Amino acid sequence: MYQTNMYEGMVAETITLPGFNGELINAYFARPLGDGPFPGMVLAHHMPGWDEWYRETTRKYAHHGYATISPNLYFRAGHGTPEDVAAKVRGDGGLPDDQAVGDLAGAMRYMRSLPYINGKVGIFGTCSGGRHAYLTACQVPGFDAVVDCWGGGVVMSASDLNSNRPVAPLDYTPDLACPILGLFGADDRSPTPEQVAQHEAELKKYGKNYEFHIYPDAGHGFFYYNRPNYRQQQAVDGWEKIFAFLGKYLASE
């Protein structure tokens, strides 16, 4: 609970870190000022790219007391506007799953190397980033919570698989070793409510600790205040659920 006499401060900057195969990539990092210890968060950006919304979200987490890092998963495609770089990645056939997982794993290891982390690190993603967050949490030990916001492509048919996405993330569900929060829109087409139900059934089948919410009158990307799909009431409630969930699983030392 905020009080008007509290001291607040943060540092936010672009850094580099070792990602997939030890290759250096850039990342945006923000943390509260002070000794901590702070829980850590890794952010997997969405298909539109490593953009301003993810910079703001990195600082939002830092404002709420989390040391937070958002790696540039499109680093190898070169530099330019987020839109141009994202278009190049799509034109090249999309991001390879193993590369995304490697970069996000590198971000988690970077967080764990910091002296002021409390020993807990979560991962968050929206859109394709939600998919990558789930995929990484299932494949890489070391995450204590995962937040998947409308991650499409977790449930995949055989015809959807390719060299960049050879295995459906759903198939890795038995390996998930941390709690998951999922936020979805009832009007979304990727994932559809039917795919969300399939994902939930798989989590239930393997006895996983999960919490899923499907919001009526919301579609894909309903947190994005700068897009027509923004839904204020659902977004505010979604953020409240995220911080309640992370506070439960990451706040303790």
Foldseek 3Di string as FASTA:
>chain_A
DDDPPDDWDKDKDKDWWQFAVGDIFIKIKMATDDLALFAEEEEEEALLFPAPVVNVVRVVVRRVGYTYMYTGLLRVQDDDHSNVSSVSCVVVPHAALSRLLRRRLRVLVVVVVDPRHPQAYEYEYFACRLQSRLLNLLPPPRHAEYERELHFQLDDDCVPADRRRNDRVLVSLLRRDHEYEYEAECAEVRPHPVVVVVSVVSCVVNVHHYHYDYDYPAYGPCLPPVDPRHDVVSNVVVVVVVVVVCCVGGVDD
